[in-house]
C-alpha atoms as a PDB file:
ATOM      1  CA  MET A   1     105.402  65.846  49.919  1.00  0.00           C
ATOM      2  CA  SER A   2     104.692  67.543  46.562  1.00  0.00           C
ATOM      3  CA  GLU A   3     106.074  71.136  45.687  1.00  0.00           C
ATOM      4  CA  GLY A   4     103.792  73.893  46.602  1.00  0.00           C
ATOM      5  CA  GLN A   5     101.926  71.649  49.098  1.00  0.00           C
ATOM      6  CA  ASP A   6     100.476  73.299  52.283  1.00  0.00           C
ATOM      7  CA  TRP A   7     103.124  72.084  55.004  1.00  0.00           C
ATOM      8  CA  ILE A   8     101.065  73.702  57.821  1.00  0.00           C
ATOM      9  CA  SER A   9      97.681  72.209  57.210  1.00  0.00           C
ATOM     10  CA  VAL A  10      99.075  68.592  57.603  1.00  0.00           C
ATOM     11  CA  LEU A  11     100.391  69.373  61.184  1.00  0.00           C
ATOM     12  CA  PRO A  12      98.547  67.548  64.099  1.00  0.00           C
ATOM     13  CA  ASP A  13      95.357  69.356  65.601  1.00  0.00           C
ATOM     14  CA  GLU A  14      97.475  69.809  68.623  1.00  0.00           C
ATOM     15  CA  ILE A  15     100.030  71.992  66.956  1.00  0.00           C
ATOM     16  CA  LEU A  16      97.615  74.215  65.030  1.00  0.00           C
ATOM     17  CA  HIS A  17      95.374  74.598  68.259  1.00  0.00           C
ATOM     18  CA  HIS A  18      98.770  75.877  69.889  1.00  0.00           C
ATOM     19  CA  ILE A  19      99.532  78.316  67.041  1.00  0.00           C
ATOM     20  CA  LEU A  20      95.979  79.702  67.136  1.00  0.00           C
ATOM     21  CA  SER A  21      96.448  80.141  70.755  1.00  0.00           C
ATOM     22  CA  PHE A  22      98.624  83.112  70.248  1.00  0.00           C
ATOM     23  CA  LEU A  23      95.805  85.097  68.086  1.00  0.00           C
ATOM     24  CA  THR A  24      92.938  86.608  69.298  1.00  0.00           C
ATOM     25  CA  THR A  25      89.790  84.925  68.944  1.00  0.00           C
ATOM     26  CA  LYS A  26      88.530  86.918  66.180  1.00  0.00           C
ATOM     27  CA  GLN A  27      91.706  86.389  63.998  1.00  0.00           C
ATOM     28  CA  SER A  28      91.757  82.716  65.056  1.00  0.00           C
ATOM     29  CA  ILE A  29      88.059  82.355  63.678  1.00  0.00           C
ATOM     30  CA  GLN A  30      89.086  84.191  60.500  1.00  0.00           C
ATOM     31  CA  THR A  31      91.768  81.342  59.601  1.00  0.00           C
ATOM     32  CA  CYS A  32      88.571  79.263  58.981  1.00  0.00           C
ATOM     33  CA  ILE A  33      88.708  80.493  55.233  1.00  0.00           C
ATOM     34  CA  LEU A  34      92.150  79.019  54.575  1.00  0.00           C
ATOM     35  CA  SER A  35      90.622  75.392  53.969  1.00  0.00           C
ATOM     36  CA  LYS A  36      88.197  72.846  55.105  1.00  0.00           C
ATOM     37  CA  ARG A  37      90.673  71.556  57.117  1.00  0.00           C
ATOM     38  CA  TRP A  38      90.512  74.770  59.257  1.00  0.00           C
ATOM     39  CA  ILE A  39      86.804  75.336  59.510  1.00  0.00           C
ATOM     40  CA  ASP A  40      86.471  73.939  63.058  1.00  0.00           C
ATOM     41  CA  LEU A  41      90.021  74.305  64.527  1.00  0.00           C
ATOM     42  CA  TRP A  42      89.361  77.407  66.404  1.00  0.00           C
ATOM     43  CA  LYS A  43      86.566  75.742  68.205  1.00  0.00           C
ATOM     44  CA  PHE A  44      89.164  73.476  70.027  1.00  0.00           C
ATOM     45  CA  THR A  45      91.760  76.250  70.839  1.00  0.00           C
ATOM     46  CA  PRO A  46      92.362  76.147  74.692  1.00  0.00           C
ATOM     47  CA  VAL A  47      92.594  79.956  74.469  1.00  0.00           C
ATOM     48  CA  ILE A  48      89.741  82.670  74.242  1.00  0.00           C
ATOM     49  CA  ASP A  49      90.929  86.114  73.931  1.00  0.00           C
ATOM     50  CA  ILE A  50      88.287  88.733  73.172  1.00  0.00           C
ATOM     51  CA  GLN A  51      89.306  92.437  72.911  1.00  0.00           C
ATOM     52  CA  MET A  52      86.980  94.885  72.918  1.00  0.00           C
ATOM     53  CA  ALA A  53      88.962  97.973  74.250  1.00  0.00           C
ATOM     54  CA  THR A  54      88.663 100.465  71.649  1.00  0.00           C
ATOM     55  CA  PRO A  55      88.201 103.678  73.683  1.00  0.00           C
ATOM     56  CA  TYR A  56      84.795 105.808  73.098  1.00  0.00           C
ATOM     57  CA  HIS A  57      83.379 102.800  71.235  1.00  0.00           C
ATOM     58  CA  GLU A  58      80.233 100.906  72.424  1.00  0.00           C
ATOM     59  CA  THR A  59      79.565  97.354  71.745  1.00  0.00           C
ATOM     60  CA  THR A  60      77.289  96.838  68.845  1.00  0.00           C
ATOM     61  CA  PRO A  61      74.352  94.352  68.717  1.00  0.00           C
ATOM     62  CA  SER A  62      76.565  92.335  66.287  1.00  0.00           C
ATOM     63  CA  GLU A  63      79.933  92.390  68.545  1.00  0.00           C
ATOM     64  CA  ARG A  64      77.828  91.167  71.281  1.00  0.00           C
ATOM     65  CA  THR A  65      76.174  88.537  69.126  1.00  0.00           C
ATOM     66  CA  PHE A  66      79.677  87.596  68.281  1.00  0.00           C
ATOM     67  CA  ILE A  67      80.746  87.012  71.832  1.00  0.00           C
ATOM     68  CA  HIS A  68      77.534  84.857  72.563  1.00  0.00           C
ATOM     69  CA  ASN A  69      78.352  82.631  69.249  1.00  0.00           C
ATOM     70  CA  THR A  70      81.949  82.246  69.990  1.00  0.00           C
ATOM     71  CA  LEU A  71      81.116  80.736  73.660  1.00  0.00           C
ATOM     72  CA  THR A  72      78.322  78.818  72.457  1.00  0.00           C
ATOM     73  CA  GLN A  73      80.020  77.112  69.625  1.00  0.00           C
ATOM     74  CA  HIS A  74      83.458  76.855  71.322  1.00  0.00           C
ATOM     75  CA  GLN A  75      83.965  73.044  72.279  1.00  0.00           C
ATOM     76  CA  ALA A  76      87.270  72.522  74.148  1.00  0.00           C
ATOM     77  CA  PHE A  77      86.511  70.870  77.511  1.00  0.00           C
ATOM     78  CA  LYS A  78      89.347  72.867  79.059  1.00  0.00           C
ATOM     79  CA  LEU A  79      90.695  76.065  78.694  1.00  0.00           C
ATOM     80  CA  HIS A  80      94.210  77.185  79.282  1.00  0.00           C
ATOM     81  CA  LYS A  81      93.397  81.099  79.296  1.00  0.00           C
ATOM     82  CA  PHE A  82      90.297  83.085  79.006  1.00  0.00           C
ATOM     83  CA  SER A  83      90.722  86.870  78.450  1.00  0.00           C
ATOM     84  CA  LEU A  84      88.014  89.653  78.055  1.00  0.00           C
ATOM     85  CA  ASP A  85      89.266  93.266  77.589  1.00  0.00           C
ATOM     86  CA  PHE A  86      86.536  95.709  77.379  1.00  0.00           C
ATOM     87  CA  SER A  87      86.700  99.723  77.256  1.00  0.00           C
ATOM     88  CA  TYR A  88      83.936 101.261  79.648  1.00  0.00           C
ATOM     89  CA  GLU A  89      82.270 102.247  76.314  1.00  0.00           C
ATOM     90  CA  ALA A  90      82.310  98.779  75.250  1.00  0.00           C
ATOM     91  CA  LEU A  91      80.857  97.311  78.175  1.00  0.00           C
ATOM     92  CA  TYR A  92      78.271  99.951  78.697  1.00  0.00           C
ATOM     93  CA  ALA A  93      75.423  97.921  76.733  1.00  0.00           C
ATOM     94  CA  VAL A  94      76.384  94.597  78.575  1.00  0.00           C
ATOM     95  CA  ALA A  95      74.571  93.713  81.477  1.00  0.00           C
ATOM     96  CA  ASN A  96      75.897  92.264  84.639  1.00  0.00           C
ATOM     97  CA  VAL A  97      74.254  89.144  84.143  1.00  0.00           C
ATOM     98  CA  GLN A  98      75.926  88.708  80.763  1.00  0.00           C
ATOM     99  CA  LEU A  99      79.362  89.462  82.184  1.00  0.00           C
ATOM    100  CA  GLN A 100      78.619  86.665  84.738  1.00  0.00           C
ATOM    101  CA  HIS A 101      77.760  84.372  82.110  1.00  0.00           C
ATOM    102  CA  TYR A 102      81.194  85.048  80.592  1.00  0.00           C
ATOM    103  CA  ILE A 103      83.162  84.471  83.443  1.00  0.00           C
ATOM    104  CA  GLU A 104      80.881  81.224  84.542  1.00  0.00           C
ATOM    105  CA  PHE A 105      81.893  79.980  81.084  1.00  0.00           C
ATOM    106  CA  ALA A 106      85.436  80.244  81.700  1.00  0.00           C
ATOM    107  CA  ILE A 107      85.406  78.716  84.924  1.00  0.00           C
ATOM    108  CA  SER A 108      83.099  75.919  83.939  1.00  0.00           C
ATOM    109  CA  ARG A 109      85.827  74.849  81.359  1.00  0.00           C
ATOM    110  CA  GLN A 110      88.435  74.735  83.997  1.00  0.00           C
ATOM    111  CA  VAL A 111      90.303  77.580  82.902  1.00  0.00           C
ATOM    112  CA  GLN A 112      94.027  78.034  84.296  1.00  0.00           C
ATOM    113  CA  ILE A 113      94.505  81.674  83.595  1.00  0.00           C
ATOM    114  CA  LEU A 114      91.495  84.169  83.791  1.00  0.00           C
ATOM    115  CA  SER A 115      92.064  87.878  82.708  1.00  0.00           C
ATOM    116  CA  VAL A 116      88.854  90.096  82.861  1.00  0.00           C
ATOM    117  CA  SER A 117      89.793  93.640  82.355  1.00  0.00           C
ATOM    118  CA  ILE A 118      87.417  96.655  82.165  1.00  0.00           C
ATOM    119  CA  GLU A 119      88.732 100.373  81.367  1.00  0.00           C
ATOM    120  CA  LEU A 120      86.736 102.584  83.972  1.00  0.00           C
ATOM    121  CA  LEU A 121      85.854 106.295  83.735  1.00  0.00           C
ATOM    122  CA  PHE A 122      85.310 106.466  87.441  1.00  0.00           C
ATOM    123  CA  GLU A 123      85.394 104.085  90.421  1.00  0.00           C
ATOM    124  CA  TYR A 124      81.523 104.134  90.791  1.00  0.00           C
ATOM    125  CA  PHE A 125      81.190 102.165  87.482  1.00  0.00           C
ATOM    126  CA  CYS A 126      82.870  99.304  88.919  1.00  0.00           C
ATOM    127  CA  TYR A 127      81.094  96.093  87.877  1.00  0.00           C
ATOM    128  CA  VAL A 128      80.193  93.918  90.678  1.00  0.00           C
ATOM    129  CA  LEU A 129      82.263  90.556  90.443  1.00  0.00           C
ATOM    130  CA  PRO A 130      79.879  87.935  90.258  1.00  0.00           C
ATOM    131  CA  ASN A 131      79.402  85.353  93.043  1.00  0.00           C
ATOM    132  CA  VAL A 132      80.282  82.578  90.684  1.00  0.00           C
ATOM    133  CA  PHE A 133      84.058  83.677  90.565  1.00  0.00           C
ATOM    134  CA  TYR A 134      84.020  82.417  94.462  1.00  0.00           C
ATOM    135  CA  SER A 135      81.623  79.601  94.405  1.00  0.00           C
ATOM    136  CA  HIS A 136      82.083  77.449  91.432  1.00  0.00           C
ATOM    137  CA  ASP A 137      83.062  74.074  91.927  1.00  0.00           C
ATOM    138  CA  ASN A 138      86.090  74.571  89.462  1.00  0.00           C
ATOM    139  CA  VAL A 139      87.858  77.380  91.051  1.00  0.00           C
ATOM    140  CA  PRO A 140      90.454  74.941  92.352  1.00  0.00           C
ATOM    141  CA  SER A 141      91.604  74.926  88.728  1.00  0.00           C
ATOM    142  CA  LEU A 142      92.491  78.620  88.500  1.00  0.00           C
ATOM    143  CA  GLU A 143      96.276  79.155  88.559  1.00  0.00           C
ATOM    144  CA  GLN A 144      96.549  82.990  87.391  1.00  0.00           C
ATOM    145  CA  VAL A 145      93.712  85.692  88.016  1.00  0.00           C
ATOM    146  CA  SER A 146      94.029  89.158  86.560  1.00  0.00           C
ATOM    147  CA  LEU A 147      90.895  91.464  87.333  1.00  0.00           C
ATOM    148  CA  LYS A 148      90.570  95.187  86.457  1.00  0.00           C
ATOM    149  CA  GLY A 149      87.368  97.636  87.087  1.00  0.00           C
ATOM    150  CA  PHE A 150      85.649  94.974  89.659  1.00  0.00           C
ATOM    151  CA  LEU A 151      83.708  95.813  93.014  1.00  0.00           C
ATOM    152  CA  PHE A 152      84.317  92.978  95.467  1.00  0.00           C
ATOM    153  CA  ASN A 153      81.552  92.543  97.882  1.00  0.00           C
ATOM    154  CA  PRO A 154      82.262  92.502 101.515  1.00  0.00           C
ATOM    155  CA  ASN A 155      82.237  88.873 102.762  1.00  0.00           C
ATOM    156  CA  PRO A 156      82.717  87.064  99.352  1.00  0.00           C
ATOM    157  CA  PRO A 157      80.987  83.581  99.835  1.00  0.00           C
ATOM    158  CA  CYS A 158      84.081  81.218  99.016  1.00  0.00           C
ATOM    159  CA  ASP A 159      82.730  77.781  99.155  1.00  0.00           C
ATOM    160  CA  LEU A 160      86.468  76.189  98.281  1.00  0.00           C
ATOM    161  CA  PRO A 161      89.790  77.103  98.546  1.00  0.00           C
ATOM    162  CA  PHE A 162      91.537  78.317  95.089  1.00  0.00           C
ATOM    163  CA  ALA A 163      93.929  75.316  95.522  1.00  0.00           C
ATOM    164  CA  SER A 164      96.263  76.128  92.595  1.00  0.00           C
ATOM    165  CA  LEU A 165      95.983  79.962  92.304  1.00  0.00           C
ATOM    166  CA  LYS A 166      99.681  80.992  92.494  1.00  0.00           C
ATOM    167  CA  ALA A 167      99.241  84.726  90.804  1.00  0.00           C
ATOM    168  CA  LEU A 168      96.600  87.335  91.447  1.00  0.00           C
ATOM    169  CA  CYS A 169      96.753  90.830  90.065  1.00  0.00           C
ATOM    170  CA  LEU A 170      93.963  93.522  90.943  1.00  0.00           C
ATOM    171  CA  PHE A 171      93.773  96.617  88.986  1.00  0.00           C
ATOM    172  CA  ASP A 172      91.698  99.740  89.838  1.00  0.00           C
ATOM    173  CA  CYS A 173      89.346  97.366  91.630  1.00  0.00           C
ATOM    174  CA  ALA A 174      87.248  98.648  94.537  1.00  0.00           C
ATOM    175  CA  ILE A 175      88.187  96.170  97.594  1.00  0.00           C
ATOM    176  CA  ASP A 176      88.583  97.384 101.133  1.00  0.00           C
ATOM    177  CA  ASP A 177      90.976  95.968 103.888  1.00  0.00           C
ATOM    178  CA  GLY A 178      88.706  93.341 105.201  1.00  0.00           C
ATOM    179  CA  THR A 179      87.659  91.881 102.185  1.00  0.00           C
ATOM    180  CA  LEU A 180      90.978  91.390 100.841  1.00  0.00           C
ATOM    181  CA  LYS A 181      92.339  90.063 104.085  1.00  0.00           C
ATOM    182  CA  GLY A 182      89.433  87.647 104.036  1.00  0.00           C
ATOM    183  CA  LEU A 183      90.048  86.784 100.398  1.00  0.00           C
ATOM    184  CA  LEU A 184      93.642  85.994 100.759  1.00  0.00           C
ATOM    185  CA  SER A 185      92.941  83.369 103.447  1.00  0.00           C
ATOM    186  CA  TYR A 186      91.380  81.321 100.509  1.00  0.00           C
ATOM    187  CA  PHE A 187      94.719  81.307  98.498  1.00  0.00           C
ATOM    188  CA  PRO A 188      96.759  78.515 100.051  1.00  0.00           C
ATOM    189  CA  VAL A 189      99.746  78.666  97.638  1.00  0.00           C
ATOM    190  CA  LEU A 190      99.790  82.111  96.376  1.00  0.00           C
ATOM    191  CA  GLU A 191     103.241  83.205  95.090  1.00  0.00           C
ATOM    192  CA  SER A 192     102.656  86.510  93.122  1.00  0.00           C
ATOM    193  CA  LEU A 193     100.211  89.414  94.155  1.00  0.00           C
ATOM    194  CA  THR A 194      99.978  92.745  92.409  1.00  0.00           C
ATOM    195  CA  ILE A 195      97.908  95.539  93.716  1.00  0.00           C
ATOM    196  CA  ASP A 196      97.610  98.537  91.400  1.00  0.00           C
ATOM    197  CA  LEU A 197      95.380 101.744  91.818  1.00  0.00           C
ATOM    198  CA  CYS A 198      92.918 100.151  94.545  1.00  0.00           C
ATOM    199  CA  HIS A 199      91.793 103.316  96.175  1.00  0.00           C
ATOM    200  CA  ARG A 200      89.695 101.764  98.689  1.00  0.00           C
ATOM    201  CA  LEU A 201      92.595 100.036 100.645  1.00  0.00           C
ATOM    202  CA  LEU A 202      93.963 102.047 103.754  1.00  0.00           C
ATOM    203  CA  ASN A 203      96.342  99.191 104.847  1.00  0.00           C
ATOM    204  CA  PHE A 204      97.959  96.062 103.769  1.00  0.00           C
ATOM    205  CA  LYS A 205     100.051  93.590 105.375  1.00  0.00           C
ATOM    206  CA  ALA A 206     102.053  91.038 103.578  1.00  0.00           C
ATOM    207  CA  SER A 207     101.561  88.593 106.270  1.00  0.00           C
ATOM    208  CA  TRP A 208      97.793  88.532 105.335  1.00  0.00           C
ATOM    209  CA  CYS A 209      98.760  85.981 102.987  1.00  0.00           C
ATOM    210  CA  GLN A 210      98.615  83.028 105.423  1.00  0.00           C
ATOM    211  CA  SER A 211      99.968  80.449 103.575  1.00  0.00           C
ATOM    212  CA  MET A 212     103.580  81.549 103.933  1.00  0.00           C
ATOM    213  CA  THR A 213     104.041  80.856 100.256  1.00  0.00           C
ATOM    214  CA  LEU A 214     103.916  84.653  98.851  1.00  0.00           C
ATOM    215  CA  LYS A 215     107.451  85.414  97.110  1.00  0.00           C
ATOM    216  CA  HIS A 216     106.678  88.481  94.975  1.00  0.00           C
ATOM    217  CA  LEU A 217     104.594  91.468  95.863  1.00  0.00           C
ATOM    218  CA  VAL A 218     103.860  94.433  93.742  1.00  0.00           C
ATOM    219  CA  VAL A 219     102.047  97.783  94.921  1.00  0.00           C
ATOM    220  CA  ARG A 220     101.420 100.627  92.394  1.00  0.00           C
ATOM    221  CA  CYS A 221      99.878 103.840  92.171  1.00  0.00           C
ATOM    222  CA  MET A 222      98.265 103.615  95.955  1.00  0.00           C
ATOM    223  CA  ASP A 223      98.332 107.334  96.860  1.00  0.00           C
ATOM    224  CA  ASN A 224      95.600 106.776  98.927  1.00  0.00           C
ATOM    225  CA  PRO A 225      95.648 109.486 101.778  1.00  0.00           C
ATOM    226  CA  GLY A 226      97.144 107.467 104.854  1.00  0.00           C
ATOM    227  CA  PHE A 227      97.631 104.072 103.160  1.00  0.00           C
ATOM    228  CA  ASN A 228     100.172 102.094 105.026  1.00  0.00           C
ATOM    229  CA  LEU A 229     101.939  99.143 103.527  1.00  0.00           C
ATOM    230  CA  GLU A 230     103.541  96.651 105.907  1.00  0.00           C
ATOM    231  CA  ILE A 231     106.252  94.250 104.264  1.00  0.00           C
ATOM    232  CA  ASP A 232     106.366  91.626 107.146  1.00  0.00           C
ATOM    233  CA  SER A 233     105.934  88.280 105.397  1.00  0.00           C
ATOM    234  CA  SER A 234     108.963  86.067 106.011  1.00  0.00           C
ATOM    235  CA  SER A 235     108.299  84.141 102.753  1.00  0.00           C
ATOM    236  CA  LEU A 236     109.121  87.100 100.421  1.00  0.00           C
ATOM    237  CA  SER A 237     112.001  87.051  98.147  1.00  0.00           C
ATOM    238  CA  SER A 238     111.048  90.533  96.212  1.00  0.00           C
ATOM    239  CA  PHE A 239     108.705  93.440  96.410  1.00  0.00           C
ATOM    240  CA  LYS A 240     108.298  96.827  94.489  1.00  0.00           C
ATOM    241  CA  VAL A 241     106.399 100.021  95.500  1.00  0.00           C
ATOM    242  CA  ASP A 242     105.494 102.704  93.397  1.00  0.00           C
ATOM    243  CA  GLY A 243     103.735 105.688  94.952  1.00  0.00           C
ATOM    244  CA  ASN A 244     104.368 109.064  96.773  1.00  0.00           C
ATOM    245  CA  THR A 245     102.510 108.933  99.824  1.00  0.00           C
ATOM    246  CA  VAL A 246     102.839 105.313 100.820  1.00  0.00           C
ATOM    247  CA  LYS A 247     103.797 104.939 104.283  1.00  0.00           C
ATOM    248  CA  ILE A 248     106.263 101.798 104.236  1.00  0.00           C
ATOM    249  CA  SER A 249     107.153  99.643 107.266  1.00  0.00           C
ATOM    250  CA  VAL A 250     109.752  97.084 106.489  1.00  0.00           C
ATOM    251  CA  SER A 251     110.428  94.223 109.024  1.00  0.00           C
ATOM    252  CA  SER A 252     114.158  92.781 109.039  1.00  0.00           C
ATOM    253  CA  LEU A 253     113.349  89.793 106.822  1.00  0.00           C
ATOM    254  CA  SER A 254     116.678  87.804 105.497  1.00  0.00           C
ATOM    255  CA  SER A 255     114.383  86.378 102.716  1.00  0.00           C
ATOM    256  CA  ILE A 256     114.013  89.547 100.739  1.00  0.00           C
ATOM    257  CA  ASP A 257     116.731  89.595  97.803  1.00  0.00           C
ATOM    258  CA  GLU A 258     115.319  92.322  95.593  1.00  0.00           C
ATOM    259  CA  ALA A 259     113.308  95.595  96.549  1.00  0.00           C
ATOM    260  CA  LYS A 260     112.322  98.475  94.019  1.00  0.00           C
ATOM    261  CA  ILE A 261     111.028 101.586  95.559  1.00  0.00           C
ATOM    262  CA  PHE A 262     109.613 104.342  93.189  1.00  0.00           C
ATOM    263  CA  ARG A 263     108.755 107.867  94.464  1.00  0.00           C
ATOM    264  CA  SER A 264     108.352 111.131  92.192  1.00  0.00           C
ATOM    265  CA  ARG A 265     110.697 112.901  95.090  1.00  0.00           C
ATOM    266  CA  TYR A 266     111.755 112.678  98.705  1.00  0.00           C
ATOM    267  CA  TYR A 267     110.036 114.791 101.158  1.00  0.00           C
ATOM    268  CA  PRO A 268     112.149 114.970 104.327  1.00  0.00           C
ATOM    269  CA  TYR A 269     109.820 116.616 106.597  1.00  0.00           C
ATOM    270  CA  MET A 270     107.374 113.726 106.130  1.00  0.00           C
ATOM    271  CA  GLN A 271     109.378 110.796 105.651  1.00  0.00           C
ATOM    272  CA  ASN A 272     112.991 110.836 106.731  1.00  0.00           C
ATOM    273  CA  PHE A 273     112.586 108.945 110.015  1.00  0.00           C
ATOM    274  CA  ASP A 274     110.560 106.118 108.315  1.00  0.00           C
ATOM    275  CA  THR A 275     112.768 106.003 105.446  1.00  0.00           C
ATOM    276  CA  ARG A 276     115.929 105.517 107.454  1.00  0.00           C
ATOM    277  CA  THR A 277     114.153 102.746 109.395  1.00  0.00           C
ATOM    278  CA  TRP A 278     113.233 100.683 106.739  1.00  0.00           C
ATOM    279  CA  LEU A 279     116.132 101.217 104.557  1.00  0.00           C
ATOM    280  CA  ARG A 280     118.325  99.700 107.243  1.00  0.00           C
ATOM    281  CA  ASN A 281     115.932  96.673 107.186  1.00  0.00           C
ATOM    282  CA  LEU A 282     116.758  96.197 103.659  1.00  0.00           C
ATOM    283  CA  ALA A 283     120.487  96.696 103.742  1.00  0.00           C
ATOM    284  CA  HIS A 284     121.036  93.086 103.283  1.00  0.00           C
ATOM    285  CA  VAL A 285     119.290  92.990  99.775  1.00  0.00           C
ATOM    286  CA  LYS A 286     121.244  91.712  96.618  1.00  0.00           C
ATOM    287  CA  LYS A 287     119.362  93.919  94.148  1.00  0.00           C
ATOM    288  CA  PHE A 288     117.890  97.328  94.961  1.00  0.00           C
ATOM    289  CA  GLY A 289     116.035  99.681  92.334  1.00  0.00           C
ATOM    290  CA  VAL A 290     115.175 103.476  92.872  1.00  0.00           C
ATOM    291  CA  ASN A 291     114.746 106.588  91.356  1.00  0.00           C
ATOM    292  CA  SER A 292     115.410 110.144  91.963  1.00  0.00           C
ATOM    293  CA  TRP A 293     113.874 110.247  95.773  1.00  0.00           C
ATOM    294  CA  PHE A 294     116.978 107.850  96.900  1.00  0.00           C
ATOM    295  CA  SER A 295     119.665 110.261  95.711  1.00  0.00           C
ATOM    296  CA  GLN A 296     117.777 113.214  96.975  1.00  0.00           C
ATOM    297  CA  PHE A 297     117.467 111.095 100.558  1.00  0.00           C
ATOM    298  CA  LEU A 298     121.383 110.577 100.414  1.00  0.00           C
ATOM    299  CA  ALA A 299     122.112 114.262  99.720  1.00  0.00           C
ATOM    300  CA  ARG A 300     119.601 115.265 102.489  1.00  0.00           C
ATOM    301  CA  GLU A 301     121.743 112.795 104.967  1.00  0.00           C
ATOM    302  CA  TYR A 302     125.004 114.355 104.026  1.00  0.00           C
ATOM    303  CA  GLU A 303     123.597 117.652 104.391  1.00  0.00           C
ATOM    304  CA  VAL A 304     121.836 117.356 107.930  1.00  0.00           C
ATOM    305  CA  ASN A 305     123.850 114.579 109.646  1.00  0.00           C
ATOM    306  CA  ASN A 306     127.284 114.589 107.420  1.00  0.00           C
ATOM    307  CA  ASN A 307     126.537 110.737 107.168  1.00  0.00           C
ATOM    308  CA  GLY A 308     126.762 108.318 104.197  1.00  0.00           C
ATOM    309  CA  TRP A 309     125.157 105.061 103.986  1.00  0.00           C
ATOM    310  CA  LYS A 310     127.643 102.490 104.135  1.00  0.00           C
ATOM    311  CA  ILE A 311     125.615  99.577 105.240  1.00  0.00           C
ATOM    312  CA  PHE A 312     124.492  97.458 101.797  1.00  0.00           C
ATOM    313  CA  GLU A 313     127.344  95.147 102.033  1.00  0.00           C
ATOM    314  CA  ASN A 314     125.558  92.501 100.278  1.00  0.00           C
ATOM    315  CA  LEU A 315     124.389  94.500  97.207  1.00  0.00           C
ATOM    316  CA  LYS A 316     125.371  93.114  94.003  1.00  0.00           C
ATOM    317  CA  VAL A 317     122.942  94.732  91.467  1.00  0.00           C
ATOM    318  CA  PHE A 318     121.993  98.440  91.792  1.00  0.00           C
ATOM    319  CA  ALA A 319     119.214  99.568  89.188  1.00  0.00           C
ATOM    320  CA  TRP A 320     118.466 103.214  88.676  1.00  0.00           C
ATOM    321  CA  PHE A 321     115.468 104.381  86.777  1.00  0.00           C
ATOM    322  CA  GLY A 322     114.847 108.096  85.515  1.00  0.00           C
ATOM    323  CA  PRO A 323     117.156 111.383  85.154  1.00  0.00           C
ATOM    324  CA  LEU A 324     119.908 111.500  87.456  1.00  0.00           C
ATOM    325  CA  GLY A 325     118.950 115.205  88.998  1.00  0.00           C
ATOM    326  CA  LYS A 326     121.324 117.704  90.561  1.00  0.00           C
ATOM    327  CA  GLU A 327     125.063 117.450  90.957  1.00  0.00           C
ATOM    328  CA  CYS A 328     124.801 117.289  94.704  1.00  0.00           C
ATOM    329  CA  ASP A 329     122.650 114.118  94.439  1.00  0.00           C
ATOM    330  CA  LEU A 330     124.547 112.376  91.939  1.00  0.00           C
ATOM    331  CA  ILE A 331     127.622 112.811  94.033  1.00  0.00           C
ATOM    332  CA  ALA A 332     125.806 111.621  97.035  1.00  0.00           C
ATOM    333  CA  LEU A 333     124.695 108.568  94.846  1.00  0.00           C
ATOM    334  CA  ILE A 334     128.321 107.980  93.798  1.00  0.00           C
ATOM    335  CA  ASP A 335     129.542 107.965  97.510  1.00  0.00           C
ATOM    336  CA  PHE A 336     126.912 105.411  98.303  1.00  0.00           C
ATOM    337  CA  LEU A 337     127.881 102.924  95.481  1.00  0.00           C
ATOM    338  CA  VAL A 338     131.475 103.335  96.145  1.00  0.00           C
ATOM    339  CA  HIS A 339     130.798 101.746  99.851  1.00  0.00           C
ATOM    340  CA  CYS A 340     128.798  98.878  98.411  1.00  0.00           C
ATOM    341  CA  PRO A 341     131.713  96.164  98.674  1.00  0.00           C
ATOM    342  CA  SER A 342     129.766  93.618  96.616  1.00  0.00           C
ATOM    343  CA  LEU A 343     128.568  95.438  93.979  1.00  0.00           C
ATOM    344  CA  GLU A 344     128.856  93.943  90.466  1.00  0.00           C
ATOM    345  CA  LYS A 345     126.545  95.486  88.426  1.00  0.00           C
ATOM    346  CA  ILE A 346     124.702  98.942  87.764  1.00  0.00           C
ATOM    347  CA  GLU A 347     121.689  99.190  85.504  1.00  0.00           C
ATOM    348  CA  ILE A 348     120.549 102.694  84.389  1.00  0.00           C
ATOM    349  CA  ASP A 349     117.315 103.331  82.336  1.00  0.00           C
ATOM    350  CA  VAL A 350     117.086 107.158  82.092  1.00  0.00           C
ATOM    351  CA  SER A 351     113.835 106.589  80.206  1.00  0.00           C
ATOM    352  CA  SER A 352     111.545 105.646  82.861  1.00  0.00           C
END
C-alpha cells in the first residue's frame, strides 16, 4: 500500500459497520462526505442511535424529517441496537402514532437491544406504550429492553413470549402491580430486572418472575408511600435497593451472594424490627454494600441492646458509599468489620 493511502477505507464493510456502530446515527451519516466508499455505509450499520434529548428544545420539522428519512433509507435487515432518546420538549411535537412507527420499525428489523427514553416533566405526560411492542411477530428477537417515560396499559395483548429477553429496565414508567406481574410471565429467560422511579407500584415480589432465571434485581428511587419489596426468588444472586421508605422483606435465600442497600438515614422507630429480620437473612452474603444508615443501625443496636452484629461469617467484600458520619457510628462499624472472619477487602467511596 502506497504512502498516504487511506487504510481505513480498504477495510471490509463488516468492520466499517462495526466502527460506525460506536457513533450516533447523525455522526454516522456525516461520514458519507469522506469519500464515495462511505456514502452508503451508514445505511447498513446494525445500530441506530438517535439523540434528541437537549433540554427545553422542541423538535423542528427538519429534525422529524431527519428521523423519517433515516428510517426510510436504512437497509440493514437486522439491527443489533435501536436507541431513541428524547427530552419531553423534543417529543412534544411527535404524535403517539409516530412513536409507534419508530418502535415498530425497530422490532420489524429483529432488533436485539431496544432502548427508548423520554425525559418527563410529570407522570401524566407519559406516552402510552404501543401494542406493537407486545404483539409483533419479532418480539422473540429482543434480548435487552430499556424503557423510560411510558404508560403501560393494563392487560397488555402479549401474543408471543419474549423468548430471548434477558434484561429489562423500566425507568419513570407508569405501571401498576398487576400489569407488571402479568407482563413478567411472558419473559421465560429474564436474568436482570431494574425498576427505577415507577411510582404506581405498591408491591413487588421477585418471585413474580416465574421462570426462576432472575439473577440480578435493582430497585431504585421507589419512595412510594407503603411500597413493599419482597426478595423471595431462589434464583437471585444479587440485588440492590435504593430508597428511604421501601419496606424490605428478605427470605433466607442461600443463592444471594451480593446485596446493596442504600438509604439516606436509619429510622429506628419505623424500621428496627424489619431491619434486624432481613439483615439476619443476609448474613451469608459474600459482598455487602451500604451507606450511612447501616452504621447508624449498628450504633443504635449497641446503645439499646448492647449487642454487636457478629453473624456475617462469609462476608469477603464490604463496600461503603458516602460520608462516614459520627464517631460513635464509625466505632460501631469498625467493631462489625472486626467480627467478619472471612473479610478480604474493604471498598470505600466517599463521593457517592
